[in-house]
């Protein structure tokens, strides 16, 4: 891995992921669970929990990078648009900086949906172990 490298990974926001998040974390805010409430607020359906993206990032760092001896040490996400069950999300992550001295790698990333609408962007920092 080197500065400037770009990694892409596609994810599908499945009903199983949505229901699993609800089951595990019990966040039953009506924006996430009541379609009529979400429609009244101007959305097409219930909005998936933004922190599902954190799970996708964890998978990306732990399973998709060419090295496995890493640990996430920092992460920031800015949410731009909601996403829904069935959405296809593309994660694009670019290495912005690598510290040889500390073994820290900084990424900038973004998620877009199948319509190329920005869902979220942010930074993630990993430590090479």
N, C-alpha and C. Protein backbone atom coordinates (compact mmCIF):
# COMPACT_ATOMS: atom_id res chain seq x y z
N UNK A 1 0.84 -1.17 0.00
CA UNK A 1 0.00 0.00 0.00
C UNK A 1 0.88 1.23 0.00
N UNK A 2 0.41 2.26 -0.75
CA UNK A 2 1.17 3.50 -0.80
C UNK A 2 0.21 4.68 -0.89
N UNK A 3 0.71 5.86 -0.57
CA UNK A 3 -0.10 7.06 -0.66
C UNK A 3 -0.66 7.20 -2.07
N UNK A 4 -1.93 7.56 -2.14
CA UNK A 4 -2.59 7.72 -3.43
C UNK A 4 -3.36 6.49 -3.88
N UNK A 5 -3.07 5.33 -3.30
CA UNK A 5 -3.81 4.13 -3.66
C UNK A 5 -5.30 4.32 -3.37
N UNK A 6 -6.13 3.82 -4.28
CA UNK A 6 -7.58 3.90 -4.12
C UNK A 6 -8.14 2.48 -4.09
N UNK A 7 -9.03 2.25 -3.14
CA UNK A 7 -9.69 0.96 -2.99
C UNK A 7 -11.19 1.17 -3.13
N UNK A 8 -11.85 0.29 -3.84
CA UNK A 8 -13.30 0.35 -4.00
C UNK A 8 -13.91 -0.96 -3.54
N UNK A 9 -15.05 -0.86 -2.88
CA UNK A 9 -15.75 -2.04 -2.41
C UNK A 9 -17.24 -1.77 -2.45
N UNK A 10 -18.00 -2.68 -3.02
CA UNK A 10 -19.45 -2.53 -3.11
C UNK A 10 -20.12 -3.28 -1.97
N UNK A 11 -21.18 -2.68 -1.45
CA UNK A 11 -21.99 -3.27 -0.40
C UNK A 11 -23.46 -3.15 -0.78
N UNK A 12 -24.26 -4.11 -0.35
CA UNK A 12 -25.70 -4.04 -0.53
C UNK A 12 -26.34 -3.89 0.85
N UNK A 13 -27.19 -2.90 0.97
CA UNK A 13 -27.91 -2.67 2.22
C UNK A 13 -29.12 -3.60 2.24
N UNK A 14 -28.91 -4.80 2.72
CA UNK A 14 -29.95 -5.83 2.68
C UNK A 14 -30.91 -5.72 3.86
N UNK A 15 -32.05 -6.33 3.70
CA UNK A 15 -33.03 -6.40 4.79
C UNK A 15 -32.42 -7.15 5.99
N UNK A 16 -31.62 -8.16 5.72
CA UNK A 16 -30.98 -8.92 6.80
C UNK A 16 -30.06 -8.03 7.63
N UNK A 17 -29.29 -7.17 6.98
CA UNK A 17 -28.40 -6.23 7.70
C UNK A 17 -29.24 -5.27 8.53
N UNK A 18 -30.28 -4.71 7.92
CA UNK A 18 -31.18 -3.78 8.62
C UNK A 18 -31.80 -4.45 9.85
N UNK A 19 -32.37 -5.62 9.67
CA UNK A 19 -33.03 -6.31 10.78
C UNK A 19 -32.02 -6.74 11.84
N UNK A 20 -30.83 -7.14 11.42
CA UNK A 20 -29.79 -7.49 12.38
C UNK A 20 -29.38 -6.31 13.24
N UNK A 21 -29.25 -5.15 12.62
CA UNK A 21 -28.90 -3.94 13.38
C UNK A 21 -29.99 -3.63 14.40
N UNK A 22 -31.25 -3.70 13.96
CA UNK A 22 -32.36 -3.46 14.89
C UNK A 22 -32.33 -4.45 16.05
N UNK A 23 -32.11 -5.72 15.73
CA UNK A 23 -32.11 -6.76 16.77
C UNK A 23 -30.98 -6.56 17.78
N UNK A 24 -29.80 -6.25 17.28
CA UNK A 24 -28.64 -6.14 18.16
C UNK A 24 -28.64 -4.85 18.97
N UNK A 25 -28.93 -3.72 18.32
CA UNK A 25 -28.75 -2.42 18.98
C UNK A 25 -30.04 -1.78 19.49
N UNK A 26 -31.18 -2.32 19.11
CA UNK A 26 -32.48 -1.89 19.65
C UNK A 26 -32.83 -0.43 19.36
N UNK A 27 -32.20 0.19 18.36
CA UNK A 27 -32.53 1.57 18.00
C UNK A 27 -33.79 1.54 17.15
N UNK A 28 -34.91 1.83 17.76
CA UNK A 28 -36.20 1.74 17.09
C UNK A 28 -36.81 3.13 16.85
N UNK A 29 -35.97 4.12 16.63
CA UNK A 29 -36.44 5.45 16.27
C UNK A 29 -37.41 5.31 15.10
N UNK A 30 -38.54 6.02 15.11
CA UNK A 30 -39.53 5.84 14.04
C UNK A 30 -38.99 6.14 12.63
N UNK A 31 -37.96 6.95 12.49
CA UNK A 31 -37.37 7.16 11.16
C UNK A 31 -36.80 5.87 10.60
N UNK A 32 -36.45 4.95 11.51
CA UNK A 32 -35.86 3.67 11.11
C UNK A 32 -36.86 2.52 11.09
N UNK A 33 -38.04 2.73 11.66
CA UNK A 33 -38.94 1.58 11.83
C UNK A 33 -40.37 1.79 11.35
N UNK A 34 -40.78 3.02 11.13
CA UNK A 34 -42.18 3.32 10.79
C UNK A 34 -42.24 4.01 9.42
N UNK A 35 -42.63 3.25 8.40
CA UNK A 35 -42.64 3.78 7.03
C UNK A 35 -43.56 4.99 6.90
N UNK A 36 -44.70 4.98 7.55
CA UNK A 36 -45.62 6.13 7.43
C UNK A 36 -45.00 7.37 8.07
N UNK A 37 -44.29 7.21 9.17
CA UNK A 37 -43.59 8.33 9.80
C UNK A 37 -42.53 8.88 8.85
N UNK A 38 -41.73 8.00 8.26
CA UNK A 38 -40.67 8.43 7.33
C UNK A 38 -41.28 9.12 6.11
N UNK A 39 -42.38 8.59 5.58
CA UNK A 39 -43.06 9.21 4.44
C UNK A 39 -43.55 10.61 4.80
N UNK A 40 -44.10 10.77 5.99
CA UNK A 40 -44.58 12.08 6.44
C UNK A 40 -43.45 13.09 6.57
N UNK A 41 -42.24 12.61 6.75
CA UNK A 41 -41.07 13.48 6.86
C UNK A 41 -40.39 13.70 5.51
N UNK A 42 -40.97 13.12 4.44
CA UNK A 42 -40.47 13.36 3.09
C UNK A 42 -39.54 12.30 2.53
N UNK A 43 -39.44 11.15 3.19
CA UNK A 43 -38.57 10.08 2.71
C UNK A 43 -39.40 8.98 2.07
N UNK A 44 -38.79 8.23 1.19
CA UNK A 44 -39.50 7.19 0.44
C UNK A 44 -39.83 5.96 1.27
N UNK A 45 -39.12 5.78 2.34
CA UNK A 45 -39.29 4.60 3.21
C UNK A 45 -38.50 4.85 4.48
N UNK A 46 -38.48 3.86 5.36
CA UNK A 46 -37.64 4.00 6.56
C UNK A 46 -36.18 4.16 6.13
N UNK A 47 -35.47 4.95 6.88
CA UNK A 47 -34.05 5.22 6.62
C UNK A 47 -33.23 4.20 7.40
N UNK A 48 -32.23 3.64 6.76
CA UNK A 48 -31.34 2.73 7.48
C UNK A 48 -30.43 3.52 8.43
N UNK A 49 -30.03 2.89 9.49
CA UNK A 49 -29.16 3.50 10.49
C UNK A 49 -27.81 3.84 9.86
N UNK A 50 -27.38 5.07 10.04
CA UNK A 50 -26.10 5.50 9.49
C UNK A 50 -24.93 4.66 9.98
N UNK A 51 -25.04 4.15 11.20
CA UNK A 51 -23.92 3.39 11.75
C UNK A 51 -23.75 2.02 11.10
N UNK A 52 -24.69 1.62 10.25
CA UNK A 52 -24.47 0.42 9.44
C UNK A 52 -23.23 0.63 8.57
N UNK A 53 -23.01 1.87 8.14
CA UNK A 53 -21.82 2.17 7.34
C UNK A 53 -20.54 1.87 8.11
N UNK A 54 -20.58 2.05 9.44
CA UNK A 54 -19.42 1.71 10.27
C UNK A 54 -19.09 0.23 10.18
N UNK A 55 -20.11 -0.60 10.09
CA UNK A 55 -19.88 -2.03 9.91
C UNK A 55 -19.24 -2.33 8.57
N UNK A 56 -19.71 -1.63 7.52
CA UNK A 56 -19.10 -1.80 6.20
C UNK A 56 -17.64 -1.36 6.22
N UNK A 57 -17.35 -0.27 6.93
CA UNK A 57 -15.95 0.20 7.03
C UNK A 57 -15.10 -0.83 7.77
N UNK A 58 -15.63 -1.39 8.83
CA UNK A 58 -14.89 -2.40 9.59
C UNK A 58 -14.56 -3.60 8.70
N UNK A 59 -15.54 -4.05 7.93
CA UNK A 59 -15.31 -5.16 7.00
C UNK A 59 -14.24 -4.79 5.97
N UNK A 60 -14.34 -3.58 5.43
CA UNK A 60 -13.37 -3.13 4.43
C UNK A 60 -11.95 -3.16 5.00
N UNK A 61 -11.76 -2.58 6.17
CA UNK A 61 -10.42 -2.53 6.76
C UNK A 61 -9.93 -3.92 7.14
N UNK A 62 -10.79 -4.72 7.76
CA UNK A 62 -10.38 -6.02 8.24
C UNK A 62 -10.25 -7.11 7.19
N UNK A 63 -11.02 -6.99 6.10
CA UNK A 63 -11.09 -8.08 5.14
C UNK A 63 -10.67 -7.74 3.72
N UNK A 64 -10.74 -6.47 3.34
CA UNK A 64 -10.52 -6.12 1.92
C UNK A 64 -9.14 -5.54 1.63
N UNK A 65 -8.47 -5.02 2.62
CA UNK A 65 -7.13 -4.48 2.39
C UNK A 65 -6.16 -5.63 2.14
N UNK A 66 -5.06 -5.37 1.44
CA UNK A 66 -4.10 -6.44 1.16
C UNK A 66 -3.28 -6.87 2.37
N UNK A 67 -3.43 -6.17 3.49
CA UNK A 67 -2.75 -6.57 4.73
C UNK A 67 -3.81 -6.80 5.80
N UNK A 68 -3.54 -7.72 6.70
CA UNK A 68 -4.53 -8.07 7.72
C UNK A 68 -4.11 -7.63 9.13
N UNK A 69 -2.86 -7.27 9.31
CA UNK A 69 -2.37 -6.92 10.64
C UNK A 69 -2.60 -5.42 10.89
N UNK A 70 -3.88 -5.04 10.97
CA UNK A 70 -4.25 -3.63 11.15
C UNK A 70 -5.34 -3.50 12.22
N UNK A 71 -5.47 -2.27 12.71
CA UNK A 71 -6.49 -1.95 13.70
C UNK A 71 -6.97 -0.53 13.42
N UNK A 72 -8.28 -0.32 13.45
CA UNK A 72 -8.82 1.03 13.31
C UNK A 72 -8.55 1.79 14.60
N UNK A 73 -7.96 2.99 14.47
CA UNK A 73 -7.69 3.80 15.65
C UNK A 73 -8.44 5.13 15.65
N UNK A 74 -9.07 5.46 14.54
CA UNK A 74 -9.85 6.69 14.47
C UNK A 74 -10.77 6.65 13.27
N UNK A 75 -11.90 7.34 13.40
CA UNK A 75 -12.87 7.31 12.31
C UNK A 75 -13.81 8.50 12.47
N UNK A 76 -14.15 9.13 11.35
CA UNK A 76 -15.10 10.25 11.33
C UNK A 76 -15.99 10.07 10.11
N UNK A 77 -17.29 10.26 10.30
CA UNK A 77 -18.24 10.13 9.20
C UNK A 77 -19.16 11.34 9.19
N UNK A 78 -19.32 11.93 8.02
CA UNK A 78 -20.31 12.98 7.78
C UNK A 78 -21.38 12.38 6.88
N UNK A 79 -22.63 12.44 7.32
CA UNK A 79 -23.74 11.88 6.57
C UNK A 79 -24.35 12.95 5.67
N UNK A 80 -24.59 12.59 4.41
CA UNK A 80 -25.13 13.56 3.45
C UNK A 80 -26.55 13.23 3.01
N UNK A 81 -26.83 11.96 2.77
CA UNK A 81 -28.15 11.53 2.32
C UNK A 81 -28.47 10.19 2.94
N UNK A 82 -29.76 9.91 3.13
CA UNK A 82 -30.13 8.61 3.70
C UNK A 82 -29.94 7.49 2.69
N UNK A 83 -29.94 6.26 3.20
CA UNK A 83 -29.96 5.09 2.33
C UNK A 83 -31.01 4.13 2.85
N UNK A 84 -31.39 3.20 1.96
CA UNK A 84 -32.57 2.38 2.20
C UNK A 84 -32.27 0.91 1.92
N UNK A 85 -33.14 0.04 2.43
CA UNK A 85 -33.01 -1.38 2.12
C UNK A 85 -32.99 -1.56 0.60
N UNK A 86 -32.04 -2.34 0.14
CA UNK A 86 -31.89 -2.61 -1.29
C UNK A 86 -30.88 -1.73 -2.00
N UNK A 87 -30.47 -0.64 -1.36
CA UNK A 87 -29.48 0.23 -2.01
C UNK A 87 -28.16 -0.49 -2.20
N UNK A 88 -27.54 -0.22 -3.33
CA UNK A 88 -26.18 -0.67 -3.61
C UNK A 88 -25.26 0.49 -3.29
N UNK A 89 -24.34 0.29 -2.38
CA UNK A 89 -23.43 1.35 -1.97
C UNK A 89 -22.02 1.03 -2.42
N UNK A 90 -21.35 2.04 -2.98
CA UNK A 90 -19.96 1.89 -3.38
C UNK A 90 -19.11 2.71 -2.41
N UNK A 91 -18.19 2.02 -1.78
CA UNK A 91 -17.20 2.66 -0.92
C UNK A 91 -15.95 2.90 -1.76
N UNK A 92 -15.46 4.12 -1.73
CA UNK A 92 -14.18 4.45 -2.35
C UNK A 92 -13.30 5.05 -1.27
N UNK A 93 -12.14 4.44 -1.05
CA UNK A 93 -11.22 4.89 0.01
C UNK A 93 -9.85 5.14 -0.59
N UNK A 94 -9.29 6.30 -0.30
CA UNK A 94 -7.98 6.69 -0.84
C UNK A 94 -7.01 6.91 0.31
N UNK A 95 -5.82 6.34 0.17
CA UNK A 95 -4.78 6.57 1.18
C UNK A 95 -4.24 7.98 1.00
N UNK A 96 -4.40 8.79 2.04
CA UNK A 96 -3.93 10.17 2.00
C UNK A 96 -2.54 10.33 2.59
N UNK A 97 -2.21 9.50 3.58
CA UNK A 97 -0.92 9.66 4.26
C UNK A 97 -0.54 8.36 4.94
N UNK A 98 0.72 8.04 4.86
CA UNK A 98 1.27 6.90 5.59
C UNK A 98 2.46 7.39 6.39
N UNK A 99 2.44 7.13 7.68
CA UNK A 99 3.58 7.45 8.54
C UNK A 99 4.41 6.19 8.73
N UNK A 100 5.56 6.17 8.13
CA UNK A 100 6.46 5.03 8.29
C UNK A 100 6.91 4.91 9.75
N UNK A 101 7.10 6.05 10.41
CA UNK A 101 7.60 6.05 11.79
C UNK A 101 6.61 5.43 12.77
N UNK A 102 5.32 5.72 12.58
CA UNK A 102 4.32 5.25 13.55
C UNK A 102 3.47 4.10 13.03
N UNK A 103 3.55 3.82 11.73
CA UNK A 103 2.72 2.77 11.15
C UNK A 103 1.25 3.14 11.05
N UNK A 104 0.98 4.44 10.95
CA UNK A 104 -0.39 4.93 10.85
C UNK A 104 -0.70 5.26 9.39
N UNK A 105 -1.88 4.85 8.95
CA UNK A 105 -2.33 5.10 7.58
C UNK A 105 -3.65 5.86 7.66
N UNK A 106 -3.71 7.01 6.96
CA UNK A 106 -4.92 7.82 6.91
C UNK A 106 -5.62 7.64 5.57
N UNK A 107 -6.92 7.35 5.62
CA UNK A 107 -7.75 7.24 4.42
C UNK A 107 -8.80 8.34 4.42
N UNK A 108 -9.15 8.81 3.24
CA UNK A 108 -10.39 9.57 3.03
C UNK A 108 -11.32 8.63 2.28
N UNK A 109 -12.59 8.63 2.65
CA UNK A 109 -13.51 7.71 2.00
C UNK A 109 -14.85 8.38 1.72
N UNK A 110 -15.59 7.76 0.82
CA UNK A 110 -16.97 8.19 0.58
C UNK A 110 -17.79 6.97 0.18
N UNK A 111 -19.08 7.05 0.49
CA UNK A 111 -20.06 6.08 0.05
C UNK A 111 -21.01 6.79 -0.90
N UNK A 112 -21.27 6.18 -2.04
CA UNK A 112 -22.32 6.67 -2.95
C UNK A 112 -23.27 5.52 -3.23
N UNK A 113 -24.51 5.88 -3.58
CA UNK A 113 -25.48 4.83 -3.90
C UNK A 113 -25.48 4.53 -5.39
N UNK A 114 -26.40 3.67 -5.81
CA UNK A 114 -26.47 3.23 -7.20
C UNK A 114 -26.79 4.37 -8.16
N UNK A 115 -27.27 5.49 -7.65
CA UNK A 115 -27.55 6.67 -8.47
C UNK A 115 -26.41 7.67 -8.41
N UNK A 116 -25.29 7.26 -7.81
CA UNK A 116 -24.10 8.09 -7.62
C UNK A 116 -24.37 9.29 -6.70
N UNK A 117 -25.35 9.14 -5.82
CA UNK A 117 -25.67 10.17 -4.83
C UNK A 117 -24.81 9.92 -3.60
N UNK A 118 -24.14 10.98 -3.11
CA UNK A 118 -23.27 10.84 -1.95
C UNK A 118 -24.09 10.55 -0.70
N UNK A 119 -23.78 9.44 -0.05
CA UNK A 119 -24.45 9.04 1.17
C UNK A 119 -23.66 9.54 2.39
N UNK A 120 -22.35 9.36 2.35
CA UNK A 120 -21.51 9.77 3.47
C UNK A 120 -20.07 9.90 2.99
N UNK A 121 -19.29 10.65 3.76
CA UNK A 121 -17.85 10.75 3.52
C UNK A 121 -17.17 10.90 4.86
N UNK A 122 -15.87 10.67 4.86
CA UNK A 122 -15.16 10.83 6.12
C UNK A 122 -13.72 10.41 6.01
N UNK A 123 -13.16 10.17 7.19
CA UNK A 123 -11.77 9.72 7.29
C UNK A 123 -11.72 8.51 8.20
N UNK A 124 -10.75 7.69 7.95
CA UNK A 124 -10.51 6.54 8.83
C UNK A 124 -9.00 6.38 8.95
N UNK A 125 -8.56 6.12 10.15
CA UNK A 125 -7.14 5.98 10.44
C UNK A 125 -6.90 4.59 11.00
N UNK A 126 -5.90 3.92 10.44
CA UNK A 126 -5.57 2.58 10.91
C UNK A 126 -4.11 2.55 11.37
N UNK A 127 -3.84 1.59 12.19
CA UNK A 127 -2.48 1.35 12.68
C UNK A 127 -2.03 0.00 12.16
N UNK A 128 -0.85 -0.04 11.56
CA UNK A 128 -0.25 -1.31 11.14
C UNK A 128 0.36 -1.94 12.38
N UNK A 129 0.00 -3.18 12.64
CA UNK A 129 0.48 -3.86 13.85
C UNK A 129 1.73 -4.68 13.58
